[in-house]
Amino acid sequence: MIVLTPIIIKKVKQEILRIHTISDAIEFAFTFRVLTFSINPSQVKYEIRKLLELLKETNPKLILEIGTAGGGSLMLFSCVADAEATIISVDLPWVSFGGGYPEWKIPIYQVFAKNRQMIKLLRANSHDPETLELVKTIADHGMVDFLFIDGDHTYGGVKMDFEMYSPLVKKGGIIAFHDIVPGPIQNVGGVPEYWSEIKQKFNYVEIVDSWHQAGYGIGVIYL
């Protein structure tokens, strides 16, 4: 696929120009494909739409995503972010829960930036203190408007991501967790358990299409 990167970049640029609404963005994310390449997000359409609608109202200028995988959610967040937003995405290559992307995808993901946006892709372990310091450097002392936690799904992993990066989120900011609906351990890990504990300490919203879907679901807390 690496030899097709210039072709994919050209097609992505063409499609990005056609995106004017959240519906356009979702349609692109879920349907775009060049041979075996796609950015299909591991999301339920209803749930990600509701999250995007919520974010669009806040016009986030600094977004931090933990867990990039296929890049679908990264693209969608760029569509509702401020025209000059900085979007930082941290992803540890070749891990469970769909994480990891090869280096040849980096220039493709960079194309998601619109207007004067800046996308910073960190292929690193979010639990490494050096990664935290790098995120702080990129943020340049700015406070995060929106933190999306969708990386290590183990109970300890999601807890560590929250405890390490939530202090970077400004008062009035938003933190969202993916996969809060109980389901098979290989799908949701310890996220539902941690979510059931942490949500009690904040004002929160649960964006869930069905509590019987055995996974997915987005939990949103307000700081």
Foldseek 3Di string as FASTA:
>chain_A
DLVCLVVLLVVLLVLLVVDDDLVSLLCQQCDDDDPPQGLNDPADVQQLSVVLVVLLVVQWQEEEEEFQQSNSVVLSNLNSHHLAHEYEYEFAADDAQRTHDDPSCVVSSQSSRHRNYGYHYHRDDLLDVVVLVVSCVVCVVAAGQEYEYRYDQALVRSVSNCVSRVVSHDQQHKYKYWWLQAADCSARHCNVVNCVVVCVVFDKDKRDPDSPPRTTIMIMGHD
